[in-house]
Amino acid sequence: MLSQQELAALRAQLEQRLAALQGHAEHRRTATATVELDQTRTGRLSRMDALQGQAMAQATEARAGVEARRIVAALRRLDEGTYGDCLECEEPVAPGRLQANPAVPVCINCARRAEES
């Protein structure tokens, strides 16, 4: 079981990461904007580079969205008093696992079972 001090520290980490994700959102939106055909650039390679950059930015945006949703869910579990309990087996998640990733929703055993299936 985590102490109140540990829970407060984990909450602060989650809130800081969520703020960082939200702070970078505008930059990601700009990077994922439609690629315009620019006649002043030379050749197809410039457009291909722009399209590749756009695709990478879209993938980054998708990952950031997933991470933000996991953080919001972890904060909700903190508010409800269920934070630190595995969502699958309801056993406590190891404190070291929560320290490594405060948004992790499952214990290591359930994570391993999910990877194997």
PDB file of N, CA and C in Angstrom:
ATOM      1  N   MET A   1       0.852  -1.186   0.000  1.00  0.00           N
ATOM      2  CA  MET A   1       0.000   0.000   0.000  1.00  0.00           C
ATOM      3  C   MET A   1       0.893   1.243   0.000  1.00  0.00           C
ATOM      4  N   LEU A   2       0.525   2.208  -0.795  1.00  0.00           N
ATOM      5  CA  LEU A   2       1.314   3.438  -0.901  1.00  0.00           C
ATOM      6  C   LEU A   2       0.916   4.429   0.189  1.00  0.00           C
ATOM      7  N   SER A   3       1.902   5.165   0.689  1.00  0.00           N
ATOM      8  CA  SER A   3       1.626   6.186   1.693  1.00  0.00           C
ATOM      9  C   SER A   3       1.003   7.406   1.021  1.00  0.00           C
ATOM     10  N   GLN A   4       0.431   8.267   1.822  1.00  0.00           N
ATOM     11  CA  GLN A   4      -0.163   9.500   1.291  1.00  0.00           C
ATOM     12  C   GLN A   4       0.895  10.362   0.604  1.00  0.00           C
ATOM     13  N   GLN A   5       2.091  10.362   1.160  1.00  0.00           N
ATOM     14  CA  GLN A   5       3.187  11.137   0.575  1.00  0.00           C
ATOM     15  C   GLN A   5       3.567  10.569  -0.798  1.00  0.00           C
ATOM     16  N   GLU A   6       3.632   9.249  -0.920  1.00  0.00           N
ATOM     17  CA  GLU A   6       3.945   8.623  -2.203  1.00  0.00           C
ATOM     18  C   GLU A   6       2.844   8.896  -3.222  1.00  0.00           C
ATOM     19  N   LEU A   7       1.595   8.812  -2.772  1.00  0.00           N
ATOM     20  CA  LEU A   7       0.472   9.100  -3.669  1.00  0.00           C
ATOM     21  C   LEU A   7       0.516  10.544  -4.152  1.00  0.00           C
ATOM     22  N   ALA A   8       0.840  11.466  -3.254  1.00  0.00           N
ATOM     23  CA  ALA A   8       0.924  12.881  -3.635  1.00  0.00           C
ATOM     24  C   ALA A   8       2.041  13.098  -4.645  1.00  0.00           C
ATOM     25  N   ALA A   9       3.160  12.427  -4.463  1.00  0.00           N
ATOM     26  CA  ALA A   9       4.278  12.565  -5.401  1.00  0.00           C
ATOM     27  C   ALA A   9       3.909  11.995  -6.769  1.00  0.00           C
ATOM     28  N   LEU A  10       3.218  10.858  -6.782  1.00  0.00           N
ATOM     29  CA  LEU A  10       2.798  10.260  -8.050  1.00  0.00           C
ATOM     30  C   LEU A  10       1.755  11.136  -8.741  1.00  0.00           C
ATOM     31  N   ARG A  11       0.842  11.719  -7.959  1.00  0.00           N
ATOM     32  CA  ARG A  11      -0.146  12.640  -8.539  1.00  0.00           C
ATOM     33  C   ARG A  11       0.556  13.828  -9.199  1.00  0.00           C
ATOM     34  N   ALA A  12       1.564  14.375  -8.524  1.00  0.00           N
ATOM     35  CA  ALA A  12       2.308  15.507  -9.075  1.00  0.00           C
ATOM     36  C   ALA A  12       2.995  15.116 -10.384  1.00  0.00           C
ATOM     37  N   GLN A  13       3.580  13.912 -10.435  1.00  0.00           N
ATOM     38  CA  GLN A  13       4.212  13.444 -11.672  1.00  0.00           C
ATOM     39  C   GLN A  13       3.194  13.332 -12.796  1.00  0.00           C
ATOM     40  N   LEU A  14       2.039  12.761 -12.486  1.00  0.00           N
ATOM     41  CA  LEU A  14       0.993  12.605 -13.500  1.00  0.00           C
ATOM     42  C   LEU A  14       0.514  13.960 -14.005  1.00  0.00           C
ATOM     43  N   GLU A  15       0.286  14.879 -13.093  1.00  0.00           N
ATOM     44  CA  GLU A  15      -0.200  16.200 -13.486  1.00  0.00           C
ATOM     45  C   GLU A  15       0.839  16.956 -14.308  1.00  0.00           C
ATOM     46  N   GLN A  16       2.116  16.826 -13.957  1.00  0.00           N
ATOM     47  CA  GLN A  16       3.171  17.492 -14.722  1.00  0.00           C
ATOM     48  C   GLN A  16       3.264  16.925 -16.131  1.00  0.00           C
ATOM     49  N   ARG A  17       3.174  15.599 -16.257  1.00  0.00           N
ATOM     50  CA  ARG A  17       3.256  14.984 -17.586  1.00  0.00           C
ATOM     51  C   ARG A  17       2.060  15.372 -18.429  1.00  0.00           C
ATOM     52  N   LEU A  18       0.878  15.409 -17.839  1.00  0.00           N
ATOM     53  CA  LEU A  18      -0.322  15.803 -18.572  1.00  0.00           C
ATOM     54  C   LEU A  18      -0.201  17.252 -19.037  1.00  0.00           C
ATOM     55  N   ALA A  19       0.292  18.133 -18.179  1.00  0.00           N
ATOM     56  CA  ALA A  19       0.490  19.538 -18.563  1.00  0.00           C
ATOM     57  C   ALA A  19       1.496  19.649 -19.708  1.00  0.00           C
ATOM     58  N   ALA A  20       2.548  18.848 -19.670  1.00  0.00           N
ATOM     59  CA  ALA A  20       3.537  18.876 -20.746  1.00  0.00           C
ATOM     60  C   ALA A  20       2.924  18.411 -22.059  1.00  0.00           C
ATOM     61  N   LEU A  21       2.123  17.364 -22.004  1.00  0.00           N
ATOM     62  CA  LEU A  21       1.461  16.874 -23.217  1.00  0.00           C
ATOM     63  C   LEU A  21       0.522  17.931 -23.780  1.00  0.00           C
ATOM     64  N   GLN A  22      -0.222  18.569 -22.911  1.00  0.00           N
ATOM     65  CA  GLN A  22      -1.152  19.604 -23.353  1.00  0.00           C
ATOM     66  C   GLN A  22      -0.411  20.821 -23.886  1.00  0.00           C
ATOM     67  N   GLY A  23       0.736  21.121 -23.304  1.00  0.00           N
ATOM     68  CA  GLY A  23       1.532  22.255 -23.756  1.00  0.00           C
ATOM     69  C   GLY A  23       2.099  22.065 -25.145  1.00  0.00           C
ATOM     70  N   HIS A  24       2.372  20.831 -25.517  1.00  0.00           N
ATOM     71  CA  HIS A  24       2.928  20.552 -26.837  1.00  0.00           C
ATOM     72  C   HIS A  24       1.843  20.293 -27.885  1.00  0.00           C
ATOM     73  N   ALA A  25       0.598  20.317 -27.491  1.00  0.00           N
ATOM     74  CA  ALA A  25      -0.502  19.980 -28.397  1.00  0.00           C
ATOM     75  C   ALA A  25      -0.568  20.914 -29.599  1.00  0.00           C
ATOM     76  N   GLU A  26      -0.377  22.193 -29.407  1.00  0.00           N
ATOM     77  CA  GLU A  26      -0.469  23.135 -30.520  1.00  0.00           C
ATOM     78  C   GLU A  26       0.628  22.871 -31.551  1.00  0.00           C
ATOM     79  N   HIS A  27       1.818  22.594 -31.089  1.00  0.00           N
ATOM     80  CA  HIS A  27       2.915  22.277 -32.012  1.00  0.00           C
ATOM     81  C   HIS A  27       2.586  21.014 -32.812  1.00  0.00           C
ATOM     82  N   ARG A  28       2.024  20.005 -32.148  1.00  0.00           N
ATOM     83  CA  ARG A  28       1.675  18.763 -32.846  1.00  0.00           C
ATOM     84  C   ARG A  28       0.575  19.014 -33.868  1.00  0.00           C
ATOM     85  N   ARG A  29      -0.394  19.866 -33.537  1.00  0.00           N
ATOM     86  CA  ARG A  29      -1.465  20.170 -34.492  1.00  0.00           C
ATOM     87  C   ARG A  29      -0.904  20.847 -35.738  1.00  0.00           C
ATOM     88  N   THR A  30       0.024  21.742 -35.546  1.00  0.00           N
ATOM     89  CA  THR A  30       0.656  22.420 -36.679  1.00  0.00           C
ATOM     90  C   THR A  30       1.415  21.420 -37.540  1.00  0.00           C
ATOM     91  N   ALA A  31       2.117  20.513 -36.914  1.00  0.00           N
ATOM     92  CA  ALA A  31       2.927  19.538 -37.645  1.00  0.00           C
ATOM     93  C   ALA A  31       2.077  18.525 -38.399  1.00  0.00           C
ATOM     94  N   THR A  32       0.835  18.306 -37.962  1.00  0.00           N
ATOM     95  CA  THR A  32      -0.023  17.337 -38.635  1.00  0.00           C
ATOM     96  C   THR A  32      -0.943  17.978 -39.662  1.00  0.00           C
ATOM     97  N   ALA A  33      -0.806  19.271 -39.870  1.00  0.00           N
ATOM     98  CA  ALA A  33      -1.666  19.970 -40.832  1.00  0.00           C
ATOM     99  C   ALA A  33      -1.446  19.424 -42.243  1.00  0.00           C
ATOM    100  N   THR A  34      -2.416  19.636 -43.094  1.00  0.00           N
ATOM    101  CA  THR A  34      -2.349  19.181 -44.479  1.00  0.00           C
ATOM    102  C   THR A  34      -1.123  19.758 -45.169  1.00  0.00           C
ATOM    103  N   VAL A  35      -0.437  18.911 -45.901  1.00  0.00           N
ATOM    104  CA  VAL A  35       0.747  19.342 -46.637  1.00  0.00           C
ATOM    105  C   VAL A  35       0.295  19.994 -47.935  1.00  0.00           C
ATOM    106  N   GLU A  36       0.668  21.252 -48.094  1.00  0.00           N
ATOM    107  CA  GLU A  36       0.307  22.014 -49.294  1.00  0.00           C
ATOM    108  C   GLU A  36       1.334  21.748 -50.396  1.00  0.00           C
ATOM    109  N   LEU A  37       0.877  21.777 -51.621  1.00  0.00           N
ATOM    110  CA  LEU A  37       1.783  21.659 -52.763  1.00  0.00           C
ATOM    111  C   LEU A  37       2.481  22.995 -52.940  1.00  0.00           C
ATOM    112  N   ASP A  38       3.769  23.003 -52.757  1.00  0.00           N
ATOM    113  CA  ASP A  38       4.569  24.225 -52.824  1.00  0.00           C
ATOM    114  C   ASP A  38       5.399  24.193 -54.096  1.00  0.00           C
ATOM    115  N   GLN A  39       5.002  25.000 -55.084  1.00  0.00           N
ATOM    116  CA  GLN A  39       5.685  25.018 -56.377  1.00  0.00           C
ATOM    117  C   GLN A  39       7.077  25.644 -56.289  1.00  0.00           C
ATOM    118  N   THR A  40       7.360  26.349 -55.197  1.00  0.00           N
ATOM    119  CA  THR A  40       8.668  26.990 -55.094  1.00  0.00           C
ATOM    120  C   THR A  40       9.743  26.010 -54.644  1.00  0.00           C
ATOM    121  N   ARG A  41       9.332  24.899 -54.069  1.00  0.00           N
ATOM    122  CA  ARG A  41      10.303  23.888 -53.662  1.00  0.00           C
ATOM    123  C   ARG A  41      10.694  23.048 -54.859  1.00  0.00           C
ATOM    124  N   THR A  42      11.831  22.406 -54.746  1.00  0.00           N
ATOM    125  CA  THR A  42      12.353  21.656 -55.867  1.00  0.00           C
ATOM    126  C   THR A  42      11.921  20.198 -55.787  1.00  0.00           C
ATOM    127  N   GLY A  43      11.172  19.748 -56.781  1.00  0.00           N
ATOM    128  CA  GLY A  43      10.902  18.341 -56.991  1.00  0.00           C
ATOM    129  C   GLY A  43       9.988  17.660 -56.003  1.00  0.00           C
ATOM    130  N   ARG A  44       9.805  16.364 -56.286  1.00  0.00           N
ATOM    131  CA  ARG A  44       8.919  15.525 -55.498  1.00  0.00           C
ATOM    132  C   ARG A  44       9.489  15.194 -54.125  1.00  0.00           C
ATOM    133  N   LEU A  45      10.805  15.192 -54.008  1.00  0.00           N
ATOM    134  CA  LEU A  45      11.410  14.811 -52.734  1.00  0.00           C
ATOM    135  C   LEU A  45      11.011  15.748 -51.598  1.00  0.00           C
ATOM    136  N   SER A  46      10.898  17.024 -51.908  1.00  0.00           N
ATOM    137  CA  SER A  46      10.490  17.970 -50.865  1.00  0.00           C
ATOM    138  C   SER A  46       9.088  17.649 -50.371  1.00  0.00           C
ATOM    139  N   ARG A  47       8.192  17.333 -51.285  1.00  0.00           N
ATOM    140  CA  ARG A  47       6.820  16.981 -50.901  1.00  0.00           C
ATOM    141  C   ARG A  47       6.812  15.654 -50.150  1.00  0.00           C
ATOM    142  N   MET A  48       7.611  14.701 -50.612  1.00  0.00           N
ATOM    143  CA  MET A  48       7.679  13.416 -49.930  1.00  0.00           C
ATOM    144  C   MET A  48       8.228  13.588 -48.515  1.00  0.00           C
ATOM    145  N   ASP A  49       9.226  14.443 -48.358  1.00  0.00           N
ATOM    146  CA  ASP A  49       9.760  14.727 -47.026  1.00  0.00           C
ATOM    147  C   ASP A  49       8.685  15.343 -46.135  1.00  0.00           C
ATOM    148  N   ALA A  50       7.926  16.270 -46.714  1.00  0.00           N
ATOM    149  CA  ALA A  50       6.866  16.923 -45.950  1.00  0.00           C
ATOM    150  C   ALA A  50       5.792  15.916 -45.548  1.00  0.00           C
ATOM    151  N   LEU A  51       5.439  15.014 -46.460  1.00  0.00           N
ATOM    152  CA  LEU A  51       4.427  14.000 -46.155  1.00  0.00           C
ATOM    153  C   LEU A  51       4.936  13.024 -45.088  1.00  0.00           C
ATOM    154  N   GLN A  52       6.209  12.669 -45.179  1.00  0.00           N
ATOM    155  CA  GLN A  52       6.783  11.784 -44.168  1.00  0.00           C
ATOM    156  C   GLN A  52       6.788  12.470 -42.801  1.00  0.00           C
ATOM    157  N   GLY A  53       7.157  13.738 -42.774  1.00  0.00           N
ATOM    158  CA  GLY A  53       7.133  14.501 -41.524  1.00  0.00           C
ATOM    159  C   GLY A  53       5.733  14.578 -40.953  1.00  0.00           C
ATOM    160  N   GLN A  54       4.760  14.763 -41.834  1.00  0.00           N
ATOM    161  CA  GLN A  54       3.366  14.819 -41.397  1.00  0.00           C
ATOM    162  C   GLN A  54       2.933  13.476 -40.800  1.00  0.00           C
ATOM    163  N   ALA A  55       3.294  12.372 -41.450  1.00  0.00           N
ATOM    164  CA  ALA A  55       2.924  11.044 -40.955  1.00  0.00           C
ATOM    165  C   ALA A  55       3.558  10.775 -39.587  1.00  0.00           C
ATOM    166  N   MET A  56       4.805  11.168 -39.437  1.00  0.00           N
ATOM    167  CA  MET A  56       5.467  10.984 -38.139  1.00  0.00           C
ATOM    168  C   MET A  56       4.792  11.828 -37.067  1.00  0.00           C
ATOM    169  N   ALA A  57       4.408  13.049 -37.415  1.00  0.00           N
ATOM    170  CA  ALA A  57       3.729  13.922 -36.457  1.00  0.00           C
ATOM    171  C   ALA A  57       2.364  13.350 -36.075  1.00  0.00           C
ATOM    172  N   GLN A  58       1.667  12.749 -37.037  1.00  0.00           N
ATOM    173  CA  GLN A  58       0.368  12.142 -36.743  1.00  0.00           C
ATOM    174  C   GLN A  58       0.522  10.958 -35.797  1.00  0.00           C
ATOM    175  N   ALA A  59       1.569  10.157 -36.002  1.00  0.00           N
ATOM    176  CA  ALA A  59       1.816   9.032 -35.100  1.00  0.00           C
ATOM    177  C   ALA A  59       2.159   9.525 -33.697  1.00  0.00           C
ATOM    178  N   THR A  60       2.940  10.583 -33.624  1.00  0.00           N
ATOM    179  CA  THR A  60       3.286  11.169 -32.324  1.00  0.00           C
ATOM    180  C   THR A  60       2.039  11.697 -31.636  1.00  0.00           C
ATOM    181  N   GLU A  61       1.172  12.335 -32.383  1.00  0.00           N
ATOM    182  CA  GLU A  61      -0.081  12.868 -31.833  1.00  0.00           C
ATOM    183  C   GLU A  61      -0.953  11.734 -31.294  1.00  0.00           C
ATOM    184  N   ALA A  62      -1.018  10.638 -32.025  1.00  0.00           N
ATOM    185  CA  ALA A  62      -1.821   9.492 -31.570  1.00  0.00           C
ATOM    186  C   ALA A  62      -1.256   8.924 -30.270  1.00  0.00           C
ATOM    187  N   ARG A  63       0.065   8.772 -30.184  1.00  0.00           N
ATOM    188  CA  ARG A  63       0.690   8.261 -28.960  1.00  0.00           C
ATOM    189  C   ARG A  63       0.453   9.217 -27.793  1.00  0.00           C
ATOM    190  N   ALA A  64       0.555  10.511 -28.052  1.00  0.00           N
ATOM    191  CA  ALA A  64       0.327  11.503 -26.995  1.00  0.00           C
ATOM    192  C   ALA A  64      -1.117  11.444 -26.503  1.00  0.00           C
ATOM    193  N   GLY A  65      -2.053  11.221 -27.416  1.00  0.00           N
ATOM    194  CA  GLY A  65      -3.456  11.100 -27.024  1.00  0.00           C
ATOM    195  C   GLY A  65      -3.703   9.901 -26.129  1.00  0.00           C
ATOM    196  N   VAL A  66      -3.088   8.777 -26.485  1.00  0.00           N
ATOM    197  CA  VAL A  66      -3.220   7.564 -25.661  1.00  0.00           C
ATOM    198  C   VAL A  66      -2.616   7.807 -24.283  1.00  0.00           C
ATOM    199  N   GLU A  67      -1.434   8.413 -24.247  1.00  0.00           N
ATOM    200  CA  GLU A  67      -0.787   8.679 -22.964  1.00  0.00           C
ATOM    201  C   GLU A  67      -1.623   9.625 -22.103  1.00  0.00           C
ATOM    202  N   ALA A  68      -2.185  10.658 -22.722  1.00  0.00           N
ATOM    203  CA  ALA A  68      -3.008  11.612 -21.968  1.00  0.00           C
ATOM    204  C   ALA A  68      -4.239  10.921 -21.383  1.00  0.00           C
ATOM    205  N   ARG A  69      -4.870  10.046 -22.154  1.00  0.00           N
ATOM    206  CA  ARG A  69      -6.051   9.331 -21.643  1.00  0.00           C
ATOM    207  C   ARG A  69      -5.674   8.404 -20.482  1.00  0.00           C
ATOM    208  N   ARG A  70      -4.508   7.764 -20.568  1.00  0.00           N
ATOM    209  CA  ARG A  70      -4.055   6.896 -19.477  1.00  0.00           C
ATOM    210  C   ARG A  70      -3.775   7.716 -18.209  1.00  0.00           C
ATOM    211  N   ILE A  71      -3.215   8.901 -18.386  1.00  0.00           N
ATOM    212  CA  ILE A  71      -2.923   9.763 -17.240  1.00  0.00           C
ATOM    213  C   ILE A  71      -4.217  10.241 -16.588  1.00  0.00           C
ATOM    214  N   VAL A  72      -5.170  10.665 -17.403  1.00  0.00           N
ATOM    215  CA  VAL A  72      -6.462  11.119 -16.871  1.00  0.00           C
ATOM    216  C   VAL A  72      -7.141   9.976 -16.111  1.00  0.00           C
ATOM    217  N   ALA A  73      -7.066   8.761 -16.641  1.00  0.00           N
ATOM    218  CA  ALA A  73      -7.660   7.603 -15.964  1.00  0.00           C
ATOM    219  C   ALA A  73      -6.949   7.343 -14.637  1.00  0.00           C
ATOM    220  N   ALA A  74      -5.623   7.470 -14.611  1.00  0.00           N
ATOM    221  CA  ALA A  74      -4.876   7.271 -13.363  1.00  0.00           C
ATOM    222  C   ALA A  74      -5.256   8.331 -12.331  1.00  0.00           C
ATOM    223  N   LEU A  75      -5.397   9.577 -12.769  1.00  0.00           N
ATOM    224  CA  LEU A  75      -5.813  10.638 -11.854  1.00  0.00           C
ATOM    225  C   LEU A  75      -7.219  10.366 -11.316  1.00  0.00           C
ATOM    226  N   ARG A  76      -8.085   9.843 -12.156  1.00  0.00           N
ATOM    227  CA  ARG A  76      -9.433   9.500 -11.713  1.00  0.00           C
ATOM    228  C   ARG A  76      -9.380   8.387 -10.655  1.00  0.00           C
ATOM    229  N   ARG A  77      -8.513   7.386 -10.892  1.00  0.00           N
ATOM    230  CA  ARG A  77      -8.372   6.310  -9.896  1.00  0.00           C
ATOM    231  C   ARG A  77      -7.818   6.855  -8.582  1.00  0.00           C
ATOM    232  N   LEU A  78      -6.918   7.831  -8.659  1.00  0.00           N
ATOM    233  CA  LEU A  78      -6.414   8.468  -7.438  1.00  0.00           C
ATOM    234  C   LEU A  78      -7.559   9.124  -6.676  1.00  0.00           C
ATOM    235  N   ASP A  79      -8.417   9.844  -7.389  1.00  0.00           N
ATOM    236  CA  ASP A  79      -9.554  10.522  -6.757  1.00  0.00           C
ATOM    237  C   ASP A  79     -10.536   9.520  -6.151  1.00  0.00           C
ATOM    238  N   GLU A  80     -10.699   8.370  -6.805  1.00  0.00           N
ATOM    239  CA  GLU A  80     -11.656   7.363  -6.345  1.00  0.00           C
ATOM    240  C   GLU A  80     -11.091   6.456  -5.254  1.00  0.00           C
ATOM    241  N   GLY A  81      -9.778   6.538  -5.041  1.00  0.00           N
ATOM    242  CA  GLY A  81      -9.158   5.694  -4.032  1.00  0.00           C
ATOM    243  C   GLY A  81      -8.803   4.296  -4.511  1.00  0.00           C
ATOM    244  N   THR A  82      -8.821   4.070  -5.825  1.00  0.00           N
ATOM    245  CA  THR A  82      -8.493   2.745  -6.357  1.00  0.00           C
ATOM    246  C   THR A  82      -7.141   2.730  -7.056  1.00  0.00           C
ATOM    247  N   TYR A  83      -6.424   3.838  -6.992  1.00  0.00           N
ATOM    248  CA  TYR A  83      -5.107   3.910  -7.645  1.00  0.00           C
ATOM    249  C   TYR A  83      -4.147   2.912  -7.002  1.00  0.00           C
ATOM    250  N   GLY A  84      -3.396   2.236  -7.827  1.00  0.00           N
ATOM    251  CA  GLY A  84      -2.433   1.265  -7.329  1.00  0.00           C
ATOM    252  C   GLY A  84      -2.969  -0.149  -7.311  1.00  0.00           C
ATOM    253  N   ASP A  85      -4.250  -0.311  -7.604  1.00  0.00           N
ATOM    254  CA  ASP A  85      -4.845  -1.641  -7.729  1.00  0.00           C
ATOM    255  C   ASP A  85      -4.909  -2.005  -9.203  1.00  0.00           C
ATOM    256  N   CYS A  86      -4.505  -3.224  -9.513  1.00  0.00           N
ATOM    257  CA  CYS A  86      -4.534  -3.702 -10.897  1.00  0.00           C
ATOM    258  C   CYS A  86      -5.974  -3.705 -11.410  1.00  0.00           C
ATOM    259  N   LEU A  87      -6.177  -3.216 -12.622  1.00  0.00           N
ATOM    260  CA  LEU A  87      -7.520  -3.196 -13.195  1.00  0.00           C
ATOM    261  C   LEU A  87      -7.993  -4.585 -13.603  1.00  0.00           C
ATOM    262  N   GLU A  88      -7.067  -5.518 -13.751  1.00  0.00           N
ATOM    263  CA  GLU A  88      -7.435  -6.878 -14.153  1.00  0.00           C
ATOM    264  C   GLU A  88      -7.710  -7.779 -12.953  1.00  0.00           C
ATOM    265  N   CYS A  89      -6.727  -7.920 -12.075  1.00  0.00           N
ATOM    266  CA  CYS A  89      -6.848  -8.883 -10.968  1.00  0.00           C
ATOM    267  C   CYS A  89      -7.142  -8.215  -9.621  1.00  0.00           C
ATOM    268  N   GLU A  90      -7.095  -6.894  -9.575  1.00  0.00           N
ATOM    269  CA  GLU A  90      -7.366  -6.087  -8.383  1.00  0.00           C
ATOM    270  C   GLU A  90      -6.324  -6.254  -7.277  1.00  0.00           C
ATOM    271  N   GLU A  91      -5.206  -6.901  -7.571  1.00  0.00           N
ATOM    272  CA  GLU A  91      -4.099  -6.997  -6.625  1.00  0.00           C
ATOM    273  C   GLU A  91      -3.306  -5.693  -6.680  1.00  0.00           C
ATOM    274  N   PRO A  92      -2.545  -5.372  -5.652  1.00  0.00           N
ATOM    275  CA  PRO A  92      -1.748  -4.140  -5.679  1.00  0.00           C
ATOM    276  C   PRO A  92      -0.667  -4.202  -6.772  1.00  0.00           C
ATOM    277  N   VAL A  93      -0.495  -3.085  -7.454  1.00  0.00           N
ATOM    278  CA  VAL A  93       0.583  -2.940  -8.427  1.00  0.00           C
ATOM    279  C   VAL A  93       1.837  -2.592  -7.629  1.00  0.00           C
ATOM    280  N   ALA A  94       2.949  -3.202  -7.984  1.00  0.00           N
ATOM    281  CA  ALA A  94       4.198  -2.974  -7.251  1.00  0.00           C
ATOM    282  C   ALA A  94       4.551  -1.486  -7.257  1.00  0.00           C
ATOM    283  N   PRO A  95       4.930  -0.935  -6.099  1.00  0.00           N
ATOM    284  CA  PRO A  95       5.291   0.482  -6.028  1.00  0.00           C
ATOM    285  C   PRO A  95       6.388   0.875  -7.023  1.00  0.00           C
ATOM    286  N   GLY A  96       7.353   0.000  -7.238  1.00  0.00           N
ATOM    287  CA  GLY A  96       8.410   0.295  -8.206  1.00  0.00           C
ATOM    288  C   GLY A  96       7.867   0.439  -9.614  1.00  0.00           C
ATOM    289  N   ARG A  97       6.869  -0.349  -9.946  1.00  0.00           N
ATOM    290  CA  ARG A  97       6.229  -0.255 -11.274  1.00  0.00           C
ATOM    291  C   ARG A  97       5.506   1.082 -11.405  1.00  0.00           C
ATOM    292  N   LEU A  98       4.843   1.507 -10.345  1.00  0.00           N
ATOM    293  CA  LEU A  98       4.154   2.799 -10.373  1.00  0.00           C
ATOM    294  C   LEU A  98       5.151   3.956 -10.421  1.00  0.00           C
ATOM    295  N   GLN A  99       6.284   3.799  -9.748  1.00  0.00           N
ATOM    296  CA  GLN A  99       7.316   4.840  -9.795  1.00  0.00           C
ATOM    297  C   GLN A  99       7.850   4.979 -11.223  1.00  0.00           C
ATOM    298  N   ALA A 100       8.036   3.854 -11.896  1.00  0.00           N
ATOM    299  CA  ALA A 100       8.567   3.868 -13.261  1.00  0.00           C
ATOM    300  C   ALA A 100       7.572   4.475 -14.245  1.00  0.00           C
ATOM    301  N   ASN A 101       6.299   4.170 -14.039  1.00  0.00           N
ATOM    302  CA  ASN A 101       5.251   4.699 -14.915  1.00  0.00           C
ATOM    303  C   ASN A 101       3.987   4.880 -14.080  1.00  0.00           C
ATOM    304  N   PRO A 102       3.761   6.081 -13.559  1.00  0.00           N
ATOM    305  CA  PRO A 102       2.617   6.309 -12.666  1.00  0.00           C
ATOM    306  C   PRO A 102       1.249   6.069 -13.309  1.00  0.00           C
ATOM    307  N   ALA A 103       1.181   6.015 -14.626  1.00  0.00           N
ATOM    308  CA  ALA A 103      -0.105   5.817 -15.294  1.00  0.00           C
ATOM    309  C   ALA A 103      -0.404   4.350 -15.581  1.00  0.00           C
ATOM    310  N   VAL A 104       0.508   3.456 -15.205  1.00  0.00           N
ATOM    311  CA  VAL A 104       0.329   2.035 -15.519  1.00  0.00           C
ATOM    312  C   VAL A 104      -0.924   1.501 -14.814  1.00  0.00           C
ATOM    313  N   PRO A 105      -1.815   0.812 -15.556  1.00  0.00           N
ATOM    314  CA  PRO A 105      -3.077   0.378 -14.956  1.00  0.00           C
ATOM    315  C   PRO A 105      -3.091  -1.062 -14.433  1.00  0.00           C
ATOM    316  N   VAL A 106      -2.063  -1.853 -14.776  1.00  0.00           N
ATOM    317  CA  VAL A 106      -2.095  -3.268 -14.408  1.00  0.00           C
ATOM    318  C   VAL A 106      -0.777  -3.700 -13.777  1.00  0.00           C
ATOM    319  N   CYS A 107      -0.849  -4.777 -13.010  1.00  0.00           N
ATOM    320  CA  CYS A 107       0.350  -5.338 -12.387  1.00  0.00           C
ATOM    321  C   CYS A 107       1.198  -6.034 -13.451  1.00  0.00           C
ATOM    322  N   ILE A 108       2.401  -6.379 -13.087  1.00  0.00           N
ATOM    323  CA  ILE A 108       3.328  -6.995 -14.029  1.00  0.00           C
ATOM    324  C   ILE A 108       2.827  -8.354 -14.505  1.00  0.00           C
ATOM    325  N   ASN A 109       2.199  -9.113 -13.627  1.00  0.00           N
ATOM    326  CA  ASN A 109       1.697 -10.434 -14.021  1.00  0.00           C
ATOM    327  C   ASN A 109       0.602 -10.323 -15.078  1.00  0.00           C
ATOM    328  N   CYS A 110      -0.322  -9.406 -14.890  1.00  0.00           N
ATOM    329  CA  CYS A 110      -1.403  -9.222 -15.866  1.00  0.00           C
ATOM    330  C   CYS A 110      -0.848  -8.645 -17.175  1.00  0.00           C
ATOM    331  N   ALA A 111       0.156  -7.776 -17.076  1.00  0.00           N
ATOM    332  CA  ALA A 111       0.775  -7.228 -18.280  1.00  0.00           C
ATOM    333  C   ALA A 111       1.451  -8.348 -19.077  1.00  0.00           C
ATOM    334  N   ARG A 112       2.128  -9.250 -18.388  1.00  0.00           N
ATOM    335  CA  ARG A 112       2.771 -10.378 -19.066  1.00  0.00           C
ATOM    336  C   ARG A 112       1.746 -11.288 -19.725  1.00  0.00           C
ATOM    337  N   ARG A 113       0.654 -11.566 -19.007  1.00  0.00           N
ATOM    338  CA  ARG A 113      -0.402 -12.410 -19.588  1.00  0.00           C
ATOM    339  C   ARG A 113      -0.987 -11.767 -20.837  1.00  0.00           C
ATOM    340  N   ALA A 114      -1.164 -10.456 -20.802  1.00  0.00           N
ATOM    341  CA  ALA A 114      -1.716  -9.749 -21.968  1.00  0.00           C
ATOM    342  C   ALA A 114      -0.761  -9.814 -23.149  1.00  0.00           C
ATOM    343  N   GLU A 115       0.534  -9.729 -22.903  1.00  0.00           N
ATOM    344  CA  GLU A 115       1.521  -9.808 -23.988  1.00  0.00           C
ATOM    345  C   GLU A 115       1.572 -11.203 -24.584  1.00  0.00           C
ATOM    346  N   GLU A 116       1.372 -12.228 -23.778  1.00  0.00           N
ATOM    347  CA  GLU A 116       1.444 -13.604 -24.249  1.00  0.00           C
ATOM    348  C   GLU A 116       0.240 -13.990 -25.082  1.00  0.00           C
ATOM    349  N   SER A 117      -0.880 -13.342 -24.864  1.00  0.00           N
ATOM    350  CA  SER A 117      -2.090 -13.729 -25.612  1.00  0.00           C
ATOM    351  C   SER A 117      -2.237 -12.974 -26.894  1.00  0.00           C
TER     352      SER A 117
END
